[in-house]
Amino acid sequence: FLGIKYAMEIMIKTERSHETSASIINLSSVAGLKASPGLSAYAMTKGGVRLLSKSVAKECINAGYAIRVNSVHPGIIETAMIKDTFDTETIKQMVPMKRAGKVDEVADLVSFIASPRAAYITGQIISINGGII
């Protein structure tokens, strides 16, 4: 919330067209898109990021700000936390693509959404999860 607030203050001062819009991208998790037994509090916060992003996107449109707001929801990504939590066989059972995603794959998606090539994308929930959901 505070990241959006302070970023928007700066972005609003910089005049842009909707073709050269600024971009706010909030990172969440697939846990914000589906039920996660035993992770209710975590899922609640990730779901909150999803709806906050969609709401702020519409608020920017209504106010005439050339600011796009989207949320990215990664699934199981090769990070130290995942390596400490799941073995390869468990990941193969959980992910239809039979592997964890790579950090660079998430970074490439975020880079695209931030770019002018995504000028017509706002208020979207974009999940990168190997087919989990």
C-alpha atoms as a PDB file:
ATOM      1  CA  PHE A   1       0.000   0.000   0.000  1.00  0.00           C
ATOM      2  CA  LEU A   2       2.708   2.481   0.964  1.00  0.00           C
ATOM      3  CA  GLY A   3       4.768   1.576  -2.088  1.00  0.00           C
ATOM      4  CA  ILE A   4       1.798   2.398  -4.320  1.00  0.00           C
ATOM      5  CA  LYS A   5       1.067   5.604  -2.416  1.00  0.00           C
ATOM      6  CA  TYR A   6       4.572   7.042  -2.680  1.00  0.00           C
ATOM      7  CA  ALA A   7       5.219   5.801  -6.222  1.00  0.00           C
ATOM      8  CA  MET A   8       1.971   7.365  -7.417  1.00  0.00           C
ATOM      9  CA  GLU A   9       2.865  10.730  -5.889  1.00  0.00           C
ATOM     10  CA  ILE A  10       5.984  10.810  -8.082  1.00  0.00           C
ATOM     11  CA  MET A  11       4.289   9.302 -11.152  1.00  0.00           C
ATOM     12  CA  ILE A  12       1.401  11.787 -11.078  1.00  0.00           C
ATOM     13  CA  LYS A  13       3.851  14.701 -11.241  1.00  0.00           C
ATOM     14  CA  THR A  14       5.353  13.331 -14.474  1.00  0.00           C
ATOM     15  CA  GLU A  15       2.992  14.035 -17.335  1.00  0.00           C
ATOM     16  CA  ARG A  16       2.477  11.025 -19.609  1.00  0.00           C
ATOM     17  CA  SER A  17       0.035   9.824 -22.207  1.00  0.00           C
ATOM     18  CA  HIS A  18      -1.735   6.504 -21.896  1.00  0.00           C
ATOM     19  CA  GLU A  19       0.605   5.151 -24.605  1.00  0.00           C
ATOM     20  CA  THR A  20       3.633   6.017 -22.442  1.00  0.00           C
ATOM     21  CA  SER A  21       2.028   5.245 -19.108  1.00  0.00           C
ATOM     22  CA  ALA A  22       3.859   4.526 -15.901  1.00  0.00           C
ATOM     23  CA  SER A  23       3.514   1.056 -14.432  1.00  0.00           C
ATOM     24  CA  ILE A  24       3.084  -0.262 -10.906  1.00  0.00           C
ATOM     25  CA  ILE A  25       3.508  -4.021 -10.582  1.00  0.00           C
ATOM     26  CA  ASN A  26       2.692  -5.698  -7.296  1.00  0.00           C
ATOM     27  CA  LEU A  27       4.110  -9.153  -6.677  1.00  0.00           C
ATOM     28  CA  SER A  28       1.839 -11.605  -4.924  1.00  0.00           C
ATOM     29  CA  SER A  29       1.488 -15.385  -5.151  1.00  0.00           C
ATOM     30  CA  VAL A  30      -0.828 -18.066  -6.524  1.00  0.00           C
ATOM     31  CA  ALA A  31      -1.875 -18.336  -2.885  1.00  0.00           C
ATOM     32  CA  GLY A  32      -3.832 -15.131  -3.543  1.00  0.00           C
ATOM     33  CA  LEU A  33      -5.801 -16.881  -6.291  1.00  0.00           C
ATOM     34  CA  LYS A  34      -6.789 -20.184  -4.717  1.00  0.00           C
ATOM     35  CA  ALA A  35      -7.576 -21.683  -1.349  1.00  0.00           C
ATOM     36  CA  SER A  36      -4.514 -22.762   0.604  1.00  0.00           C
ATOM     37  CA  PRO A  37      -5.404 -24.961   3.591  1.00  0.00           C
ATOM     38  CA  GLY A  38      -3.196 -24.151   6.546  1.00  0.00           C
ATOM     39  CA  LEU A  39      -2.118 -20.857   4.979  1.00  0.00           C
ATOM     40  CA  SER A  40      -5.214 -18.738   5.560  1.00  0.00           C
ATOM     41  CA  ALA A  41      -3.415 -15.620   6.792  1.00  0.00           C
ATOM     42  CA  TYR A  42      -0.841 -15.821   3.987  1.00  0.00           C
ATOM     43  CA  ALA A  43      -3.557 -16.360   1.351  1.00  0.00           C
ATOM     44  CA  MET A  44      -5.532 -13.427   2.759  1.00  0.00           C
ATOM     45  CA  THR A  45      -2.602 -11.038   2.388  1.00  0.00           C
ATOM     46  CA  LYS A  46      -1.842 -12.245  -1.151  1.00  0.00           C
ATOM     47  CA  GLY A  47      -5.498 -11.948  -2.134  1.00  0.00           C
ATOM     48  CA  GLY A  48      -5.468  -8.447  -0.694  1.00  0.00           C
ATOM     49  CA  VAL A  49      -2.606  -7.491  -3.014  1.00  0.00           C
ATOM     50  CA  ARG A  50      -4.697  -8.741  -5.946  1.00  0.00           C
ATOM     51  CA  LEU A  51      -7.755  -6.634  -5.129  1.00  0.00           C
ATOM     52  CA  LEU A  52      -5.710  -3.606  -4.063  1.00  0.00           C
ATOM     53  CA  SER A  53      -3.995  -3.660  -7.468  1.00  0.00           C
ATOM     54  CA  LYS A  54      -7.276  -3.960  -9.377  1.00  0.00           C
ATOM     55  CA  SER A  55      -8.889  -1.187  -7.320  1.00  0.00           C
ATOM     56  CA  VAL A  56      -5.979   1.226  -7.719  1.00  0.00           C
ATOM     57  CA  ALA A  57      -5.884   0.514 -11.473  1.00  0.00           C
ATOM     58  CA  LYS A  58      -9.521   1.611 -11.770  1.00  0.00           C
ATOM     59  CA  GLU A  59      -8.927   4.615  -9.512  1.00  0.00           C
ATOM     60  CA  CYS A  60      -6.064   5.716 -11.796  1.00  0.00           C
ATOM     61  CA  ILE A  61      -8.262   5.347 -14.877  1.00  0.00           C
ATOM     62  CA  ASN A  62     -11.098   7.300 -13.260  1.00  0.00           C
ATOM     63  CA  ALA A  63      -8.707  10.077 -12.193  1.00  0.00           C
ATOM     64  CA  GLY A  64      -7.188  10.289 -15.684  1.00  0.00           C
ATOM     65  CA  TYR A  65      -3.722   9.232 -14.511  1.00  0.00           C
ATOM     66  CA  ALA A  66      -1.553   7.468 -17.089  1.00  0.00           C
ATOM     67  CA  ILE A  67      -0.570   4.835 -14.532  1.00  0.00           C
ATOM     68  CA  ARG A  68      -1.162   1.138 -15.079  1.00  0.00           C
ATOM     69  CA  VAL A  69      -1.411  -1.173 -12.070  1.00  0.00           C
ATOM     70  CA  ASN A  70      -1.202  -4.970 -12.292  1.00  0.00           C
ATOM     71  CA  SER A  71      -0.357  -7.856  -9.995  1.00  0.00           C
ATOM     72  CA  VAL A  72       1.877 -10.845 -10.752  1.00  0.00           C
ATOM     73  CA  HIS A  73       1.217 -14.132  -8.976  1.00  0.00           C
ATOM     74  CA  PRO A  74       4.091 -16.620  -9.215  1.00  0.00           C
ATOM     75  CA  GLY A  75       3.661 -20.270  -8.345  1.00  0.00           C
ATOM     76  CA  ILE A  76       6.551 -22.469  -7.268  1.00  0.00           C
ATOM     77  CA  ILE A  77       9.733 -20.651  -8.305  1.00  0.00           C
ATOM     78  CA  GLU A  78      13.321 -21.841  -7.814  1.00  0.00           C
ATOM     79  CA  THR A  79      14.304 -19.883  -4.725  1.00  0.00           C
ATOM     80  CA  ALA A  80      16.167 -20.840  -1.574  1.00  0.00           C
ATOM     81  CA  MET A  81      12.843 -21.095   0.288  1.00  0.00           C
ATOM     82  CA  ILE A  82      11.423 -23.542  -2.263  1.00  0.00           C
ATOM     83  CA  LYS A  83      14.615 -25.621  -2.329  1.00  0.00           C
ATOM     84  CA  ASP A  84      14.435 -25.886   1.475  1.00  0.00           C
ATOM     85  CA  THR A  85      10.721 -26.789   1.407  1.00  0.00           C
ATOM     86  CA  PHE A  86      10.154 -29.149  -1.545  1.00  0.00           C
ATOM     87  CA  ASP A  87      12.174 -31.887  -3.179  1.00  0.00           C
ATOM     88  CA  THR A  88      12.182 -32.366  -6.972  1.00  0.00           C
ATOM     89  CA  GLU A  89       9.659 -35.216  -6.896  1.00  0.00           C
ATOM     90  CA  THR A  90       7.171 -33.206  -4.833  1.00  0.00           C
ATOM     91  CA  ILE A  91       7.472 -30.294  -7.260  1.00  0.00           C
ATOM     92  CA  LYS A  92       6.869 -32.656 -10.198  1.00  0.00           C
ATOM     93  CA  GLN A  93       3.678 -33.861  -8.510  1.00  0.00           C
ATOM     94  CA  MET A  94       2.464 -30.341  -7.700  1.00  0.00           C
ATOM     95  CA  VAL A  95       3.257 -28.566 -10.980  1.00  0.00           C
ATOM     96  CA  PRO A  96       1.725 -29.795 -14.254  1.00  0.00           C
ATOM     97  CA  MET A  97       4.843 -28.641 -16.152  1.00  0.00           C
ATOM     98  CA  LYS A  98       6.865 -30.917 -13.834  1.00  0.00           C
ATOM     99  CA  ARG A  99       9.351 -28.260 -12.699  1.00  0.00           C
ATOM    100  CA  ALA A 100       9.687 -25.120 -10.651  1.00  0.00           C
ATOM    101  CA  GLY A 101       9.712 -21.830 -12.497  1.00  0.00           C
ATOM    102  CA  LYS A 102      12.893 -19.848 -12.851  1.00  0.00           C
ATOM    103  CA  VAL A 103      13.431 -16.441 -11.289  1.00  0.00           C
ATOM    104  CA  ASP A 104      14.375 -15.104 -14.751  1.00  0.00           C
ATOM    105  CA  GLU A 105      10.999 -16.226 -16.123  1.00  0.00           C
ATOM    106  CA  VAL A 106       9.219 -14.093 -13.531  1.00  0.00           C
ATOM    107  CA  ALA A 107      11.615 -11.203 -14.180  1.00  0.00           C
ATOM    108  CA  ASP A 108      10.944 -11.413 -17.939  1.00  0.00           C
ATOM    109  CA  LEU A 109       7.195 -11.251 -17.318  1.00  0.00           C
ATOM    110  CA  VAL A 110       7.546  -8.254 -15.000  1.00  0.00           C
ATOM    111  CA  SER A 111       9.835  -6.544 -17.522  1.00  0.00           C
ATOM    112  CA  PHE A 112       7.233  -6.996 -20.255  1.00  0.00           C
ATOM    113  CA  ILE A 113       4.382  -5.663 -18.096  1.00  0.00           C
ATOM    114  CA  ALA A 114       6.491  -2.611 -17.195  1.00  0.00           C
ATOM    115  CA  SER A 115       7.316  -1.911 -20.846  1.00  0.00           C
ATOM    116  CA  PRO A 116       5.461   0.250 -23.370  1.00  0.00           C
ATOM    117  CA  ARG A 117       4.496  -2.980 -25.192  1.00  0.00           C
ATOM    118  CA  ALA A 118       2.015  -3.569 -22.358  1.00  0.00           C
ATOM    119  CA  ALA A 119       0.473  -0.089 -22.580  1.00  0.00           C
ATOM    120  CA  TYR A 120      -3.061  -1.518 -22.784  1.00  0.00           C
ATOM    121  CA  ILE A 121      -2.718  -3.859 -19.802  1.00  0.00           C
ATOM    122  CA  THR A 122      -4.003  -2.584 -16.460  1.00  0.00           C
ATOM    123  CA  GLY A 123      -5.972  -3.995 -13.556  1.00  0.00           C
ATOM    124  CA  GLN A 124      -4.910  -7.521 -14.455  1.00  0.00           C
ATOM    125  CA  ILE A 125      -4.017 -10.544 -12.391  1.00  0.00           C
ATOM    126  CA  ILE A 126      -1.164 -12.270 -14.196  1.00  0.00           C
ATOM    127  CA  SER A 127      -0.186 -15.684 -12.910  1.00  0.00           C
ATOM    128  CA  ILE A 128       3.012 -17.506 -13.840  1.00  0.00           C
ATOM    129  CA  ASN A 129       2.679 -20.949 -12.324  1.00  0.00           C
ATOM    130  CA  GLY A 130       3.458 -23.839 -14.685  1.00  0.00           C
ATOM    131  CA  GLY A 131      -0.213 -24.784 -14.872  1.00  0.00           C
ATOM    132  CA  ILE A 132      -0.949 -25.086 -11.128  1.00  0.00           C
ATOM    133  CA  ILE A 133      -4.130 -23.050 -11.587  1.00  0.00           C
END
